Protein backbone atom coordinates (compact mmCIF):
# COMPACT_ATOMS: atom_id res chain seq x y z
CA MET A 1 85.02 99.10 84.22
CA SER A 2 81.43 97.95 83.72
CA VAL A 3 80.22 95.07 85.86
CA LYS A 4 76.83 93.44 85.97
CA PRO A 5 75.31 94.12 89.40
CA GLU A 6 73.80 91.48 91.65
CA ALA A 7 70.53 89.75 90.94
CA ALA A 8 67.55 92.09 91.20
CA SER A 9 66.23 90.38 94.31
CA ALA A 10 69.39 91.28 96.20
CA LEU A 11 70.14 94.75 94.85
CA PHE A 12 69.28 96.68 98.03
CA ALA A 13 66.69 97.10 100.76
CA GLY A 14 63.53 99.01 99.94
CA PRO A 15 61.80 99.88 96.66
CA PHE A 16 64.49 102.17 95.23
CA ALA A 17 67.95 103.64 95.67
CA LEU A 18 70.00 106.42 94.11
CA ALA A 19 73.00 105.87 91.88
CA THR A 20 75.31 107.70 89.52
CA LEU A 21 75.44 105.88 86.19
CA SER A 22 76.67 106.36 82.65
CA ALA A 23 75.91 104.76 79.31
CA PRO A 24 78.82 103.70 77.06
CA GLU A 25 80.52 106.87 75.80
CA GLY A 26 78.01 108.92 77.78
CA SER A 27 78.32 111.33 80.70
CA ALA A 28 77.42 110.40 84.26
CA PHE A 29 73.91 111.15 85.47
CA PRO A 30 71.86 110.76 88.68
CA ALA A 31 69.55 107.77 88.55
CA LEU A 32 66.71 106.21 90.45
CA VAL A 33 67.21 102.46 90.47
CA THR A 34 64.23 100.29 91.35
CA ALA A 35 64.36 96.93 93.10
CA ASP A 36 63.67 95.16 89.80
CA ALA A 37 66.91 96.65 88.33
CA GLN A 38 65.30 99.34 86.18
CA VAL A 39 66.80 102.82 85.77
CA LEU A 40 65.17 106.23 85.56
CA ASP A 41 67.31 109.21 84.51
CA LEU A 42 66.53 111.84 87.14
CA ARG A 43 67.70 114.74 85.00
CA ALA A 44 64.63 114.33 82.83
CA ALA A 45 62.31 113.49 85.70
CA PHE A 46 63.33 116.63 87.63
CA GLY A 47 63.71 118.81 84.52
CA ASP A 48 67.30 119.73 85.41
CA ALA A 49 70.06 118.86 82.94
CA GLY A 50 72.76 119.64 85.50
CA LEU A 51 71.27 117.61 88.37
CA THR A 52 73.53 115.41 90.51
CA VAL A 53 72.87 113.10 93.43
CA ARG A 54 74.45 115.65 95.72
CA GLY A 55 72.09 118.25 94.27
CA LEU A 56 69.15 116.07 95.28
CA LEU A 57 70.49 115.93 98.82
CA GLU A 58 70.55 119.74 99.04
CA ASP A 59 66.76 119.64 99.40
CA TRP A 60 66.41 116.06 100.55
CA GLU A 61 62.98 116.23 102.17
CA SER A 62 61.37 117.53 98.98
CA ALA A 63 63.43 115.27 96.73
CA LEU A 64 62.62 112.16 98.75
CA ALA A 65 58.88 112.72 98.35
CA ARG A 66 59.29 113.01 94.59
CA LEU A 67 61.54 109.95 94.44
CA ARG A 68 58.95 107.86 96.27
CA ALA A 69 56.33 108.93 93.74
CA LEU A 70 58.62 108.28 90.77
CA ALA A 71 59.51 104.80 92.03
CA GLY A 72 55.84 103.83 91.97
CA ASP A 73 54.98 105.60 88.71
CA GLY A 74 55.44 103.41 85.64
CA SER A 75 54.69 106.19 83.15
CA HIS A 76 58.32 107.36 82.92
CA ALA A 77 60.64 105.57 80.50
CA ARG A 78 63.07 103.20 82.19
CA LYS A 79 65.99 101.11 80.98
CA PRO A 80 67.67 97.97 82.34
CA LEU A 81 70.44 98.60 84.82
CA ALA A 82 72.70 96.17 82.97
CA GLU A 83 73.10 98.73 80.16
CA PHE A 84 74.96 101.18 82.40
CA ARG A 85 78.26 101.63 84.19
CA VAL A 86 77.93 102.15 87.94
CA HIS A 87 80.04 104.92 89.48
CA ALA A 88 80.40 106.03 93.09
CA PRO A 89 76.88 107.17 94.04
CA LEU A 90 77.89 110.77 94.80
CA GLU A 91 80.72 113.26 95.10
CA PRO A 92 80.89 114.50 98.71
CA ARG A 93 82.34 117.80 99.85
CA GLN A 94 83.72 116.34 103.05
CA VAL A 95 84.68 112.84 104.17
CA PHE A 96 84.97 111.98 107.86
CA GLN A 97 86.58 108.67 108.77
CA SER A 98 86.51 106.81 112.06
CA GLY A 99 89.14 104.57 113.57
CA ALA A 100 89.07 101.99 116.37
CA ASN A 101 85.28 101.81 116.47
CA TYR A 102 84.59 98.06 116.55
CA ARG A 103 84.86 96.49 119.98
CA GLN A 104 86.23 93.09 118.96
CA HIS A 105 88.70 94.66 116.56
CA VAL A 106 90.17 96.95 119.19
CA ILE A 107 90.29 94.15 121.77
CA ASP A 108 92.24 92.02 119.29
CA LEU A 109 94.67 94.88 118.72
CA HIS A 110 95.08 95.38 122.46
CA VAL A 111 95.86 91.69 122.99
CA ALA A 112 98.19 91.50 119.98
CA HIS A 113 100.28 94.45 121.15
CA ARG A 114 101.35 92.98 124.47
CA ALA A 115 103.67 95.15 126.51
CA PRO A 116 107.19 93.75 127.12
CA GLY A 117 107.20 91.59 130.24
CA ASP A 118 103.43 91.14 130.32
CA ASP A 119 103.20 87.36 130.69
CA ARG A 120 99.56 87.18 131.76
CA PRO A 121 97.35 84.60 130.02
CA GLU A 122 95.58 85.86 126.91
CA ALA A 123 92.16 85.40 128.52
CA GLU A 124 93.13 87.78 131.31
CA ARG A 125 94.47 90.39 128.93
CA ARG A 126 91.37 90.04 126.74
CA ALA A 127 89.09 90.59 129.75
CA GLU A 128 91.07 93.71 130.65
CA ALA A 129 90.70 95.01 127.09
CA ALA A 130 86.95 94.37 127.19
CA GLN A 131 86.65 96.46 130.34
CA ILE A 132 88.60 99.26 128.68
CA MET A 133 86.24 99.17 125.67
CA ASP A 134 83.16 99.28 127.88
CA ARG A 135 84.57 102.28 129.73
CA ARG A 136 85.48 103.95 126.44
CA ALA A 137 81.93 103.50 125.10
CA ALA A 138 80.47 105.02 128.26
CA GLU A 139 82.92 107.85 128.90
CA ASP A 140 85.12 108.64 125.90
CA LEU A 141 84.74 110.14 122.43
CA PRO A 142 84.95 108.68 118.93
CA TYR A 143 88.22 108.94 117.02
CA VAL A 144 87.57 110.77 113.72
CA PHE A 145 89.88 112.17 111.06
CA ILE A 146 89.42 113.72 107.61
CA GLY A 147 89.66 111.97 104.25
CA LEU A 148 89.80 113.42 100.75
CA PRO A 149 86.99 113.09 98.17
CA THR A 150 89.65 112.52 95.49
CA SER A 151 90.33 109.06 96.96
CA ILE A 152 86.81 107.90 96.03
CA THR A 153 86.27 105.51 93.14
CA GLY A 154 83.40 103.37 91.89
CA PRO A 155 82.25 100.11 93.47
CA TYR A 156 83.39 97.97 90.52
CA ASP A 157 86.46 99.96 89.45
CA ASP A 158 89.99 98.60 89.62
CA VAL A 159 92.13 99.92 92.48
CA VAL A 160 95.71 100.77 91.60
CA LEU A 161 98.11 99.98 94.44
CA PRO A 162 100.80 102.70 94.46
CA SER A 163 104.38 101.49 94.13
CA TRP A 164 105.26 103.20 97.41
CA ALA A 165 102.48 101.44 99.37
CA GLU A 166 104.28 98.57 101.11
CA LYS A 167 101.34 97.26 103.16
CA PRO A 168 98.00 98.10 101.49
CA ASP A 169 95.05 96.81 103.51
CA TRP A 170 91.26 96.68 103.28
CA GLU A 171 88.73 98.20 105.71
CA LEU A 172 85.05 97.59 104.96
CA GLU A 173 82.79 100.25 106.48
CA LEU A 174 79.21 101.46 106.71
CA ALA A 175 79.03 105.04 105.43
CA ALA A 176 76.29 107.46 106.47
CA VAL A 177 75.34 110.10 103.88
CA ILE A 178 74.22 113.46 105.27
CA GLY A 179 70.93 114.88 103.96
CA ARG A 180 70.40 117.91 106.17
CA PRO A 181 73.02 120.37 107.48
CA ALA A 182 74.08 119.36 110.97
CA HIS A 183 75.88 121.52 113.49
CA ARG A 184 75.98 120.69 117.19
CA VAL A 185 73.10 118.27 116.96
CA PRO A 186 72.36 116.03 119.95
CA VAL A 187 72.66 112.27 119.61
CA GLU A 188 68.87 111.93 119.80
CA GLU A 189 68.44 114.03 116.64
CA ALA A 190 71.50 112.94 114.68
CA LEU A 191 69.84 110.29 112.50
CA ASP A 192 67.29 112.88 111.34
CA HIS A 193 70.19 114.43 109.40
CA VAL A 194 71.15 111.19 107.62
CA ALA A 195 69.68 110.79 104.13
CA GLY A 196 70.88 107.25 103.62
CA TYR A 197 73.69 104.74 103.66
CA THR A 198 76.23 103.24 101.32
CA ILE A 199 79.27 100.94 101.37
CA ALA A 200 82.85 102.20 101.69
CA ASN A 201 86.11 100.27 101.60
CA ASP A 202 88.59 102.58 103.29
CA LEU A 203 91.93 101.23 102.06
CA THR A 204 94.99 101.96 104.17
CA ASP A 205 98.73 101.58 103.63
CA ARG A 206 99.78 100.32 107.05
CA ALA A 207 103.44 101.10 106.40
CA THR A 208 102.78 104.85 106.25
CA VAL A 209 100.21 105.26 109.03
CA PHE A 210 102.89 106.30 111.52
CA ARG A 211 105.65 108.79 110.69
CA ARG A 212 109.00 107.13 111.23
CA ASP A 213 110.88 110.41 110.83
CA MET A 214 108.68 112.26 113.35
CA PRO A 215 107.16 109.70 115.74
CA GLN A 216 106.19 112.43 118.19
CA ILE A 217 103.67 113.76 115.65
CA GLY A 218 101.86 110.44 115.29
CA THR A 219 99.65 109.34 112.41
CA ASP A 220 99.89 110.41 108.77
CA TRP A 221 96.41 109.82 107.39
CA LEU A 222 97.07 111.91 104.26
CA ARG A 223 99.65 109.50 102.88
CA SER A 224 98.27 106.24 104.26
CA LYS A 225 94.63 106.62 103.18
CA ASN A 226 94.21 109.10 100.34
CA ALA A 227 95.78 107.67 97.21
CA PRO A 228 93.47 107.87 94.17
CA GLY A 229 90.99 105.00 94.30
CA PHE A 230 91.65 104.13 97.95
CA THR A 231 87.94 104.56 98.82
CA PRO A 232 85.69 102.38 96.65
CA LEU A 233 82.19 103.69 97.33
CA GLY A 234 78.71 102.39 96.57
CA PRO A 235 77.11 101.03 94.52
CA TRP A 236 73.90 102.57 95.87
CA LEU A 237 72.75 105.33 98.16
CA VAL A 238 69.92 103.56 99.97
CA PRO A 239 67.48 105.93 101.74
CA ALA A 240 67.59 105.76 105.51
CA GLU A 241 63.89 104.90 105.60
CA SER A 242 64.77 101.55 104.00
CA ILE A 243 67.41 100.81 106.67
CA PRO A 244 65.39 100.88 109.89
CA ASP A 245 68.29 99.90 112.15
CA PRO A 246 71.83 100.83 111.02
CA GLY A 247 73.00 99.28 114.29
CA ASP A 248 72.08 95.80 113.08
CA LEU A 249 73.71 95.33 109.67
CA ARG A 250 76.22 92.67 108.66
CA LEU A 251 79.46 93.62 106.96
CA CYS A 252 81.31 90.95 104.99
CA LEU A 253 84.48 91.25 102.91
CA LYS A 254 85.93 88.41 100.89
CA LEU A 255 89.40 88.33 99.38
CA ASN A 256 89.66 86.05 96.36
CA GLY A 257 86.60 84.21 97.67
CA ALA A 258 87.86 83.74 101.26
CA THR A 259 85.96 85.55 104.03
CA MET A 260 88.17 88.04 105.86
CA GLN A 261 85.69 90.33 107.62
CA ASP A 262 82.28 89.20 108.85
CA GLU A 263 80.78 91.25 111.65
CA SER A 264 77.64 93.12 112.69
CA THR A 265 77.40 96.85 113.28
CA LYS A 266 76.14 95.80 116.72
CA ASP A 267 79.83 95.55 117.59
CA MET A 268 80.36 99.30 117.11
CA ILE A 269 81.63 101.13 120.16
CA PHE A 270 80.02 104.39 118.99
CA ASP A 271 76.92 103.94 116.82
CA VAL A 272 76.00 106.04 113.78
CA ALA A 273 74.02 108.58 115.79
CA ARG A 274 76.87 109.17 118.25
CA MET A 275 79.34 109.44 115.38
CA VAL A 276 77.30 112.00 113.43
CA SER A 277 76.57 114.01 116.56
CA TYR A 278 80.24 113.99 117.57
CA VAL A 279 81.47 115.26 114.20
CA SER A 280 78.80 117.97 114.20
CA GLN A 281 80.03 119.34 117.53
CA THR A 282 83.18 120.62 115.82
CA THR A 283 82.25 121.22 112.20
CA ARG A 284 79.19 121.76 110.06
CA LEU A 285 78.10 118.65 108.21
CA LEU A 286 76.68 119.42 104.77
CA PRO A 287 74.35 117.52 102.43
CA GLY A 288 76.27 114.79 100.67
CA ASP A 289 79.04 114.56 103.26
CA LEU A 290 80.14 111.08 104.25
CA VAL A 291 80.65 109.80 107.78
CA LEU A 292 82.52 106.49 107.66
CA THR A 293 81.89 104.56 110.85
CA GLY A 294 84.95 102.33 111.23
CA SER A 295 85.90 98.82 110.20
CA PRO A 296 85.47 95.54 112.09
CA ALA A 297 88.04 92.88 112.88
CA GLY A 298 89.59 90.92 110.05
CA ASN A 299 91.79 93.29 108.10
CA GLY A 300 94.99 92.23 106.40
CA MET A 301 97.24 92.97 109.35
CA HIS A 302 95.17 90.54 111.41
CA TRP A 303 95.58 87.78 108.83
CA GLY A 304 99.19 88.60 107.97
CA ARG A 305 98.12 88.96 104.34
CA LEU A 306 98.11 92.38 102.63
CA LEU A 307 96.73 93.35 99.23
CA ARG A 308 98.70 92.57 96.09
CA ASP A 309 98.40 92.62 92.32
CA GLY A 310 95.45 90.60 91.04
CA ASP A 311 93.53 90.40 94.33
CA VAL A 312 89.75 90.72 94.11
CA MET A 313 87.76 92.15 97.01
CA GLU A 314 84.03 91.49 97.29
CA ALA A 315 82.24 93.51 99.96
CA THR A 316 78.63 93.45 101.14
CA VAL A 317 76.61 95.26 103.78
CA THR A 318 73.05 94.18 104.61
CA GLY A 319 70.58 96.02 102.42
CA LEU A 320 73.20 98.11 100.64
CA GLY A 321 74.30 95.81 97.84
CA ALA A 322 77.80 94.65 96.96
CA GLN A 323 81.13 95.92 95.67
CA ARG A 324 83.65 94.02 93.59
CA THR A 325 87.06 95.61 93.11
CA ARG A 326 90.25 94.24 91.61
CA CYS A 327 93.70 95.38 92.72
CA LEU A 328 96.37 96.23 90.17
CA ALA A 329 99.98 97.03 90.93
CA GLU A 330 101.09 100.43 89.68
CA GLU A 331 103.14 100.15 86.54
CA ALA A 332 106.73 101.28 86.82
CA SER A 333 107.30 104.71 85.29
């Protein structure tokens, strides 16, 4: 699906971003997109016919210097962005997803799931939940699980809702893209390993999150989150240098024009640096890996309104552009 992107003035923060594009009937290629919506094919610029965005991230420090120079050099042939289809900006090796990482969201969940016999006023229960969140931020660890790259789709592609998904839901998230290998990095150095940021909508089938047949095992993230197309990604990979404070970005998701999520990353319990550092304590983060940082309040379960055939989701994050994805019910076989 080819969709005209936003007006040039609102494409993204900074002078340029990376994208993966294709011309009609053409193969996908890594592109430098400038703020005035012009496209430079990086295969030609780097002299590498097999280049990908992830390949650029393998030597990000060197690549970034060249990209800065290319963005300001008008001697290379460029074409209008409107001529191309926009795909997910990259293909990661690993996808790490975070849950319960927005303070207000988790407080709302705590209040909504009142224990039997707990007749205290909502204000009292909300104050208790706030204290728990403050203690968690100070003393506890992020909650992270693993997603599959095969769930990723483009920022303007249709999302097919599987026939078995009874309660498909949206979850708008800020995604950090790794640019340098990271293993056991301290919080203070974690952002040095982030190449840039993009938008992710981490769809979830609420009906399959918990295993009914084996409740003692707990969550089933494979089934609930990893259907093909359940992670619309992009449109752009915006360099970290153009996003000076990832802790002060606004996330907004609209469903059929109605605002459902509208929150700042200031509400995160664990910020991007703590999230990246935490993941790196266990595993080795590699260039191109994604670290999704959780979703704020306002998902479908909160509103009592889940995704269905024909729904259109529009998602924005400050400085990172916008997604527009349409939901289609899976056709009966």
